[in-house]
C-alpha atoms as a PDB file:
ATOM      1  CA  MET A   1       7.771  11.790 -15.675  1.00  0.00           C
ATOM      2  CA  THR A   2       5.586  11.671 -18.644  1.00  0.00           C
ATOM      3  CA  ALA A   3       2.651   8.979 -17.442  1.00  0.00           C
ATOM      4  CA  PRO A   4       1.859  10.438 -13.773  1.00  0.00           C
ATOM      5  CA  TYR A   5       2.940   7.448 -12.490  1.00  0.00           C
ATOM      6  CA  ARG A   6       5.629   5.345 -12.116  1.00  0.00           C
ATOM      7  CA  LEU A   7       6.197   1.811 -11.275  1.00  0.00           C
ATOM      8  CA  HIS A   8       9.521   0.665  -9.721  1.00  0.00           C
ATOM      9  CA  TYR A   9       9.197  -3.286  -9.236  1.00  0.00           C
ATOM     10  CA  ALA A  10      10.366  -6.412 -10.193  1.00  0.00           C
ATOM     11  CA  PRO A  11       8.570  -9.785 -12.127  1.00  0.00           C
ATOM     12  CA  ASP A  12       6.844 -12.038  -9.301  1.00  0.00           C
ATOM     13  CA  ASN A  13       7.440  -9.065  -6.664  1.00  0.00           C
ATOM     14  CA  ALA A  14       5.049  -7.172  -4.757  1.00  0.00           C
ATOM     15  CA  SER A  15       5.389  -4.706  -7.607  1.00  0.00           C
ATOM     16  CA  LEU A  16       2.988  -6.893  -9.181  1.00  0.00           C
ATOM     17  CA  VAL A  17       0.313  -6.089  -6.837  1.00  0.00           C
ATOM     18  CA  ILE A  18       0.636  -2.620  -8.168  1.00  0.00           C
ATOM     19  CA  ARG A  19       0.444  -3.366 -11.496  1.00  0.00           C
ATOM     20  CA  LEU A  20      -2.334  -5.571 -12.122  1.00  0.00           C
ATOM     21  CA  ALA A  21      -3.987  -2.354 -10.396  1.00  0.00           C
ATOM     22  CA  LEU A  22      -2.825  -0.186 -11.837  1.00  0.00           C
ATOM     23  CA  GLU A  23      -3.746  -1.714 -15.472  1.00  0.00           C
ATOM     24  CA  GLU A  24      -7.548  -2.914 -13.804  1.00  0.00           C
ATOM     25  CA  MET A  25      -7.856   1.049 -13.225  1.00  0.00           C
ATOM     26  CA  GLY A  26      -7.189   1.986 -16.818  1.00  0.00           C
ATOM     27  CA  LEU A  27      -4.247   4.030 -15.602  1.00  0.00           C
ATOM     28  CA  PRO A  28      -1.587   5.507 -17.709  1.00  0.00           C
ATOM     29  CA  TYR A  29       1.637   4.241 -15.889  1.00  0.00           C
ATOM     30  CA  GLU A  30       5.645   3.970 -16.798  1.00  0.00           C
ATOM     31  CA  THR A  31       7.550   1.025 -14.760  1.00  0.00           C
ATOM     32  CA  VAL A  32      11.441   1.625 -13.675  1.00  0.00           C
ATOM     33  CA  LEU A  33      12.603  -1.549 -13.104  1.00  0.00           C
ATOM     34  CA  VAL A  34      14.702  -2.257  -9.451  1.00  0.00           C
ATOM     35  CA  ASP A  35      17.646  -4.871 -10.681  1.00  0.00           C
ATOM     36  CA  ARG A  36      17.787  -6.850  -7.761  1.00  0.00           C
ATOM     37  CA  ARG A  37      20.906  -8.851  -9.222  1.00  0.00           C
ATOM     38  CA  ARG A  38      22.669  -5.501  -9.665  1.00  0.00           C
ATOM     39  CA  ASN A  39      21.199  -4.507  -5.139  1.00  0.00           C
ATOM     40  CA  GLU A  40      19.555  -1.420  -6.733  1.00  0.00           C
ATOM     41  CA  GLN A  41      17.187  -1.846  -4.086  1.00  0.00           C
ATOM     42  CA  ASP A  42      19.806  -0.606  -1.560  1.00  0.00           C
ATOM     43  CA  SER A  43      21.561   2.175  -3.836  1.00  0.00           C
ATOM     44  CA  ALA A  44      21.247   5.672  -2.460  1.00  0.00           C
ATOM     45  CA  ALA A  45      18.915   6.390  -5.175  1.00  0.00           C
ATOM     46  CA  TYR A  46      16.505   3.740  -4.400  1.00  0.00           C
ATOM     47  CA  ARG A  47      16.042   5.041  -1.403  1.00  0.00           C
ATOM     48  CA  ALA A  48      15.463   7.948  -1.569  1.00  0.00           C
ATOM     49  CA  LEU A  49      12.870   6.869  -2.573  1.00  0.00           C
ATOM     50  CA  ASN A  50      11.874   4.505   0.445  1.00  0.00           C
ATOM     51  CA  PRO A  51      14.424   3.958   2.734  1.00  0.00           C
ATOM     52  CA  ASN A  52      13.882   1.160   4.125  1.00  0.00           C
ATOM     53  CA  GLY A  53      14.939  -0.674   0.529  1.00  0.00           C
ATOM     54  CA  LEU A  54      11.960  -2.730  -0.499  1.00  0.00           C
ATOM     55  CA  ILE A  55       9.771  -3.346  -3.680  1.00  0.00           C
ATOM     56  CA  PRO A  56       7.916  -0.983  -4.506  1.00  0.00           C
ATOM     57  CA  VAL A  57       7.359   2.418  -5.287  1.00  0.00           C
ATOM     58  CA  LEU A  58       4.430   4.168  -6.693  1.00  0.00           C
ATOM     59  CA  GLU A  59       5.666   7.849  -8.257  1.00  0.00           C
ATOM     60  CA  THR A  60       2.807   9.587  -7.928  1.00  0.00           C
ATOM     61  CA  PRO A  61       2.137  14.088  -8.458  1.00  0.00           C
ATOM     62  CA  GLN A  62       2.478  13.572  -4.536  1.00  0.00           C
ATOM     63  CA  GLY A  63       5.306  12.699  -3.950  1.00  0.00           C
ATOM     64  CA  PRO A  64       6.538   8.172  -3.807  1.00  0.00           C
ATOM     65  CA  ILE A  65       4.226   6.044  -1.813  1.00  0.00           C
ATOM     66  CA  PHE A  66       5.378   2.532  -1.192  1.00  0.00           C
ATOM     67  CA  GLU A  67       3.594   0.166   0.793  1.00  0.00           C
ATOM     68  CA  THR A  68       1.903  -2.333  -1.141  1.00  0.00           C
ATOM     69  CA  ALA A  69      -1.341  -2.115   0.589  1.00  0.00           C
ATOM     70  CA  ALA A  70      -0.887   1.843   0.975  1.00  0.00           C
ATOM     71  CA  ILE A  71      -0.178   2.209  -1.936  1.00  0.00           C
ATOM     72  CA  LEU A  72      -3.094  -0.110  -3.572  1.00  0.00           C
ATOM     73  CA  LEU A  73      -5.583   2.177  -1.173  1.00  0.00           C
ATOM     74  CA  TRP A  74      -3.675   5.450  -1.916  1.00  0.00           C
ATOM     75  CA  LEU A  75      -4.922   4.700  -5.715  1.00  0.00           C
ATOM     76  CA  ALA A  76      -8.677   3.311  -4.948  1.00  0.00           C
ATOM     77  CA  ASP A  77      -9.073   6.739  -3.078  1.00  0.00           C
ATOM     78  CA  THR A  78      -7.892   8.264  -5.817  1.00  0.00           C
ATOM     79  CA  HIS A  79      -9.799   6.704  -8.082  1.00  0.00           C
ATOM     80  CA  GLU A  80     -12.992   6.287  -6.695  1.00  0.00           C
ATOM     81  CA  LYS A  81     -12.259   2.518  -7.910  1.00  0.00           C
ATOM     82  CA  LEU A  82     -11.339  -1.352  -7.109  1.00  0.00           C
ATOM     83  CA  ALA A  83     -12.738  -0.616  -3.199  1.00  0.00           C
ATOM     84  CA  PRO A  84     -15.675   0.305  -1.477  1.00  0.00           C
ATOM     85  CA  ALA A  85     -16.424   4.055  -1.261  1.00  0.00           C
ATOM     86  CA  PRO A  86     -15.300   5.144   2.695  1.00  0.00           C
ATOM     87  CA  ASP A  87     -19.129   5.509   3.172  1.00  0.00           C
ATOM     88  CA  SER A  88     -20.416   2.369   1.514  1.00  0.00           C
ATOM     89  CA  PRO A  89     -21.524  -0.171   4.037  1.00  0.00           C
ATOM     90  CA  ASP A  90     -18.981  -2.641   2.767  1.00  0.00           C
ATOM     91  CA  ARG A  91     -15.663  -0.409   4.067  1.00  0.00           C
ATOM     92  CA  ALA A  92     -15.345  -1.478   6.986  1.00  0.00           C
ATOM     93  CA  ALA A  93     -14.421  -5.004   6.090  1.00  0.00           C
ATOM     94  CA  PHE A  94     -12.668  -4.145   3.054  1.00  0.00           C
ATOM     95  CA  LEU A  95     -10.307  -2.737   5.101  1.00  0.00           C
ATOM     96  CA  LYS A  96     -10.282  -4.930   8.120  1.00  0.00           C
ATOM     97  CA  TRP A  97      -9.533  -7.786   4.990  1.00  0.00           C
ATOM     98  CA  LEU A  98      -6.953  -5.655   2.857  1.00  0.00           C
ATOM     99  CA  PHE A  99      -4.680  -4.932   7.051  1.00  0.00           C
ATOM    100  CA  PHE A 100      -5.657  -9.109   7.305  1.00  0.00           C
ATOM    101  CA  ALA A 101      -3.611  -9.457   4.237  1.00  0.00           C
ATOM    102  CA  SER A 102      -0.829  -7.114   5.140  1.00  0.00           C
ATOM    103  CA  ASN A 103       0.011  -6.770   7.946  1.00  0.00           C
ATOM    104  CA  THR A 104      -0.654 -10.727   8.721  1.00  0.00           C
ATOM    105  CA  LEU A 105      -0.324 -12.948   5.898  1.00  0.00           C
ATOM    106  CA  HIS A 106       1.480 -11.354   3.717  1.00  0.00           C
ATOM    107  CA  ALA A 107       4.156 -11.016   7.306  1.00  0.00           C
ATOM    108  CA  ASP A 108       3.683 -14.527   7.458  1.00  0.00           C
ATOM    109  CA  LEU A 109       4.388 -15.000   3.786  1.00  0.00           C
ATOM    110  CA  ARG A 110       7.729 -12.896   4.100  1.00  0.00           C
ATOM    111  CA  ILE A 111       9.014 -14.978   7.124  1.00  0.00           C
ATOM    112  CA  LEU A 112       8.443 -19.143   5.043  1.00  0.00           C
ATOM    113  CA  PHE A 113      10.445 -17.121   1.814  1.00  0.00           C
ATOM    114  CA  TYR A 114      12.809 -14.945   3.923  1.00  0.00           C
ATOM    115  CA  ALA A 115      13.251 -16.921   7.110  1.00  0.00           C
ATOM    116  CA  GLU A 116      16.870 -17.173   6.559  1.00  0.00           C
ATOM    117  CA  LYS A 117      16.396 -13.042   7.594  1.00  0.00           C
ATOM    118  CA  TYR A 118      15.244 -14.265  10.841  1.00  0.00           C
ATOM    119  CA  ILE A 119      16.674 -16.722  11.961  1.00  0.00           C
ATOM    120  CA  ASP A 120      20.028 -18.393  11.570  1.00  0.00           C
ATOM    121  CA  PRO A 121      19.709 -20.320   8.673  1.00  0.00           C
ATOM    122  CA  ARG A 122      20.586 -23.687  10.886  1.00  0.00           C
ATOM    123  CA  GLN A 123      17.013 -22.835  12.284  1.00  0.00           C
ATOM    124  CA  ALA A 124      15.727 -22.387   8.597  1.00  0.00           C
ATOM    125  CA  GLU A 125      13.792 -24.718   7.418  1.00  0.00           C
ATOM    126  CA  ALA A 126      12.275 -25.726  10.570  1.00  0.00           C
ATOM    127  CA  LEU A 127      10.704 -21.697  10.933  1.00  0.00           C
ATOM    128  CA  ARG A 128       8.740 -22.374   7.926  1.00  0.00           C
ATOM    129  CA  THR A 129       7.705 -26.037   8.991  1.00  0.00           C
ATOM    130  CA  GLY A 130       6.853 -23.684  11.689  1.00  0.00           C
ATOM    131  CA  ILE A 131       5.032 -21.149   9.816  1.00  0.00           C
ATOM    132  CA  ARG A 132       2.913 -22.874   7.282  1.00  0.00           C
ATOM    133  CA  PRO A 133      -0.116 -24.645   9.122  1.00  0.00           C
ATOM    134  CA  ARG A 134      -0.362 -21.060  10.416  1.00  0.00           C
ATOM    135  CA  LEU A 135      -0.459 -19.776   6.907  1.00  0.00           C
ATOM    136  CA  ARG A 136      -3.442 -22.725   5.742  1.00  0.00           C
ATOM    137  CA  GLN A 137      -4.855 -21.270   8.033  1.00  0.00           C
ATOM    138  CA  HIS A 138      -5.923 -18.035   7.444  1.00  0.00           C
ATOM    139  CA  LEU A 139      -7.060 -19.481   3.886  1.00  0.00           C
ATOM    140  CA  ARG A 140      -9.048 -21.422   5.523  1.00  0.00           C
ATOM    141  CA  VAL A 141     -10.155 -18.397   6.534  1.00  0.00           C
ATOM    142  CA  LEU A 142      -9.836 -16.396   3.387  1.00  0.00           C
ATOM    143  CA  ASP A 143     -12.269 -19.403   1.349  1.00  0.00           C
ATOM    144  CA  ALA A 144     -14.984 -18.874   4.059  1.00  0.00           C
ATOM    145  CA  GLN A 145     -14.980 -15.447   3.545  1.00  0.00           C
ATOM    146  CA  ALA A 146     -14.820 -15.666  -0.509  1.00  0.00           C
ATOM    147  CA  GLN A 147     -17.997 -17.533   0.044  1.00  0.00           C
ATOM    148  CA  GLN A 148     -19.628 -15.106   1.152  1.00  0.00           C
ATOM    149  CA  ALA A 149     -18.813 -13.490  -2.366  1.00  0.00           C
ATOM    150  CA  PRO A 150     -18.442  -9.821  -0.508  1.00  0.00           C
ATOM    151  CA  VAL A 151     -17.974  -7.260  -2.780  1.00  0.00           C
ATOM    152  CA  TRP A 152     -14.421  -6.698  -1.893  1.00  0.00           C
ATOM    153  CA  LEU A 153     -13.711 -10.064  -2.858  1.00  0.00           C
ATOM    154  CA  ASN A 154     -15.036 -11.829  -6.450  1.00  0.00           C
ATOM    155  CA  ALA A 155     -13.860 -11.961  -9.880  1.00  0.00           C
ATOM    156  CA  ASP A 156     -16.518 -10.654 -11.351  1.00  0.00           C
ATOM    157  CA  ARG A 157     -15.130  -7.066 -10.164  1.00  0.00           C
ATOM    158  CA  PRO A 158     -12.072  -7.303  -8.673  1.00  0.00           C
ATOM    159  CA  SER A 159     -11.066  -4.595  -5.641  1.00  0.00           C
ATOM    160  CA  VAL A 160      -7.665  -4.219  -4.391  1.00  0.00           C
ATOM    161  CA  LEU A 161      -7.275  -6.991  -2.198  1.00  0.00           C
ATOM    162  CA  THR A 162      -8.958  -9.567  -4.548  1.00  0.00           C
ATOM    163  CA  TYR A 163      -5.703  -9.349  -6.947  1.00  0.00           C
ATOM    164  CA  TYR A 164      -3.680  -8.265  -3.351  1.00  0.00           C
ATOM    165  CA  LEU A 165      -4.476 -12.482  -2.539  1.00  0.00           C
ATOM    166  CA  ALA A 166      -4.592 -13.812  -6.219  1.00  0.00           C
ATOM    167  CA  CYS A 167      -0.630 -11.910  -6.165  1.00  0.00           C
ATOM    168  CA  GLN A 168      -0.169 -14.496  -2.537  1.00  0.00           C
ATOM    169  CA  MET A 169      -1.360 -17.608  -3.195  1.00  0.00           C
ATOM    170  CA  ARG A 170       0.556 -17.402  -6.638  1.00  0.00           C
ATOM    171  CA  TRP A 171       3.951 -17.367  -4.838  1.00  0.00           C
ATOM    172  CA  MET A 172       2.799 -20.117  -2.093  1.00  0.00           C
ATOM    173  CA  ALA A 173       2.754 -22.272  -5.020  1.00  0.00           C
ATOM    174  CA  LEU A 174       6.361 -20.608  -6.627  1.00  0.00           C
ATOM    175  CA  TYR A 175       7.930 -20.190  -3.797  1.00  0.00           C
ATOM    176  CA  PRO A 176      11.035 -20.256  -1.717  1.00  0.00           C
ATOM    177  CA  ALA A 177      12.933 -22.421  -5.018  1.00  0.00           C
ATOM    178  CA  LYS A 178      14.088 -25.192  -2.973  1.00  0.00           C
ATOM    179  CA  SER A 179      11.203 -25.551  -0.419  1.00  0.00           C
ATOM    180  CA  ASP A 180       8.400 -28.564   0.243  1.00  0.00           C
ATOM    181  CA  ARG A 181       6.153 -26.574  -0.604  1.00  0.00           C
ATOM    182  CA  SER A 182       2.935 -29.007  -0.728  1.00  0.00           C
ATOM    183  CA  TRP A 183       1.960 -27.635   2.068  1.00  0.00           C
ATOM    184  CA  PHE A 184      -0.695 -25.150  -0.966  1.00  0.00           C
ATOM    185  CA  GLN A 185      -2.972 -27.024  -2.447  1.00  0.00           C
ATOM    186  CA  LEU A 186      -5.529 -24.821  -4.480  1.00  0.00           C
ATOM    187  CA  ALA A 187      -7.594 -27.406  -4.660  1.00  0.00           C
ATOM    188  CA  ASP A 188      -8.237 -26.879  -0.093  1.00  0.00           C
ATOM    189  CA  THR A 189      -9.600 -23.621  -0.872  1.00  0.00           C
ATOM    190  CA  PRO A 190     -12.419 -23.810  -3.577  1.00  0.00           C
ATOM    191  CA  HIS A 191     -14.167 -20.349  -3.519  1.00  0.00           C
ATOM    192  CA  LEU A 192     -11.054 -18.692  -3.196  1.00  0.00           C
ATOM    193  CA  GLN A 193      -9.855 -20.553  -6.623  1.00  0.00           C
ATOM    194  CA  LYS A 194     -12.626 -20.193  -8.840  1.00  0.00           C
ATOM    195  CA  ILE A 195     -11.754 -16.646  -7.797  1.00  0.00           C
ATOM    196  CA  LEU A 196      -8.603 -16.311  -9.213  1.00  0.00           C
ATOM    197  CA  THR A 197      -9.353 -18.847 -12.257  1.00  0.00           C
ATOM    198  CA  ARG A 198     -11.844 -15.594 -13.548  1.00  0.00           C
ATOM    199  CA  LEU A 199      -9.400 -13.273 -12.720  1.00  0.00           C
ATOM    200  CA  GLU A 200      -7.082 -14.883 -15.546  1.00  0.00           C
ATOM    201  CA  SER A 201      -9.327 -14.060 -18.618  1.00  0.00           C
ATOM    202  CA  ARG A 202      -9.469 -10.452 -17.376  1.00  0.00           C
ATOM    203  CA  PRO A 203      -7.618  -7.502 -19.645  1.00  0.00           C
ATOM    204  CA  ALA A 204      -5.408  -6.396 -17.023  1.00  0.00           C
ATOM    205  CA  THR A 205      -3.847  -9.983 -15.729  1.00  0.00           C
ATOM    206  CA  GLN A 206      -3.496 -10.934 -19.241  1.00  0.00           C
ATOM    207  CA  ALA A 207      -1.332  -7.657 -19.414  1.00  0.00           C
ATOM    208  CA  ALA A 208       0.693  -8.369 -16.304  1.00  0.00           C
ATOM    209  CA  ILE A 209       1.575 -11.710 -18.098  1.00  0.00           C
ATOM    210  CA  LEU A 210       2.896 -10.768 -21.133  1.00  0.00           C
ATOM    211  CA  ALA A 211       4.758  -7.269 -19.423  1.00  0.00           C
ATOM    212  CA  GLU A 212       5.992  -9.693 -17.037  1.00  0.00           C
ATOM    213  CA  GLY A 213       5.988 -13.113 -18.559  1.00  0.00           C
ATOM    214  CA  LEU A 214       4.402 -15.040 -16.332  1.00  0.00           C
ATOM    215  CA  GLY A 215       2.235 -17.925 -18.213  1.00  0.00           C
ATOM    216  CA  VAL A 216      -1.193 -18.955 -19.625  1.00  0.00           C
ATOM    217  CA  SER A 217      -2.848 -18.956 -16.025  1.00  0.00           C
ATOM    218  CA  PRO A 218       0.038 -18.026 -13.447  1.00  0.00           C
ATOM    219  CA  PHE A 219      -2.542 -17.726 -10.544  1.00  0.00           C
ATOM    220  CA  THR A 220      -4.078 -21.386 -10.742  1.00  0.00           C
ATOM    221  CA  SER A 221      -1.350 -22.265 -12.301  1.00  0.00           C
ATOM    222  CA  PRO A 222       2.182 -20.844 -11.837  1.00  0.00           C
ATOM    223  CA  SER A 223       4.903 -20.871 -13.011  1.00  0.00           C
ATOM    224  CA  TYR A 224       8.059 -18.383 -13.441  1.00  0.00           C
ATOM    225  CA  ALA A 225       8.051 -15.089 -14.881  1.00  0.00           C
ATOM    226  CA  THR A 226      10.195 -15.326 -17.963  1.00  0.00           C
ATOM    227  CA  PRO A 227       8.864 -11.240 -18.197  1.00  0.00           C
ATOM    228  CA  GLU A 228       9.434  -8.915 -21.594  1.00  0.00           C
ATOM    229  CA  GLU A 229      10.998  -5.527 -18.875  1.00  0.00           C
ATOM    230  CA  GLY A 230      13.364  -7.412 -17.665  1.00  0.00           C
ATOM    231  CA  SER A 231      13.830  -9.613 -15.287  1.00  0.00           C
ATOM    232  CA  ALA A 232      15.693  -8.821 -11.599  1.00  0.00           C
ATOM    233  CA  THR A 233      15.706 -12.088 -10.113  1.00  0.00           C
END
């Protein structure tokens, strides 16, 4: 690696969250496209980095790291950016909501996006119908947190969690492409909507827009990626 970090990514995958964090921190990094059309995430070379075959992986001087929240927390603590410090009174709240975003919200989104992997494909739409009210409740809870304007959830000084939630809300508006997405209305979460709107003008977001072809409003009025760095979708 000529840069300290190498991000294995696919456009508009969870790797987008890591790209945004790296850009916001101003860290140099390289990217390696994982071509999902060829199932490169299942190749021996990729599974040597992440035996689970999931995207992203971030190669670091300390070895490869996988799992989105783990990468985000490691970067934040290593560079002392985009998260409350370990001795900060805001640290506990930040951690609980970061892991809520990862273990609860993101996990439920995977059920919505990939229902066919969890149940007989003939029952996939029924499973999606069942998970949507739960997702709406997650958003209501998060919007109530955003209304309180904690230091770890705002657009003026975004944390890794701010970008993580912005990407997940982007995906809610877009995926799955051939399923009902009317359940998600950004206006239902006005405090989160304000954060997403302001994030769109940040240099980190602009860099991601150029790299992955995310459109001018990637969080508030998203369109499908048309990446400059190569398509893997």
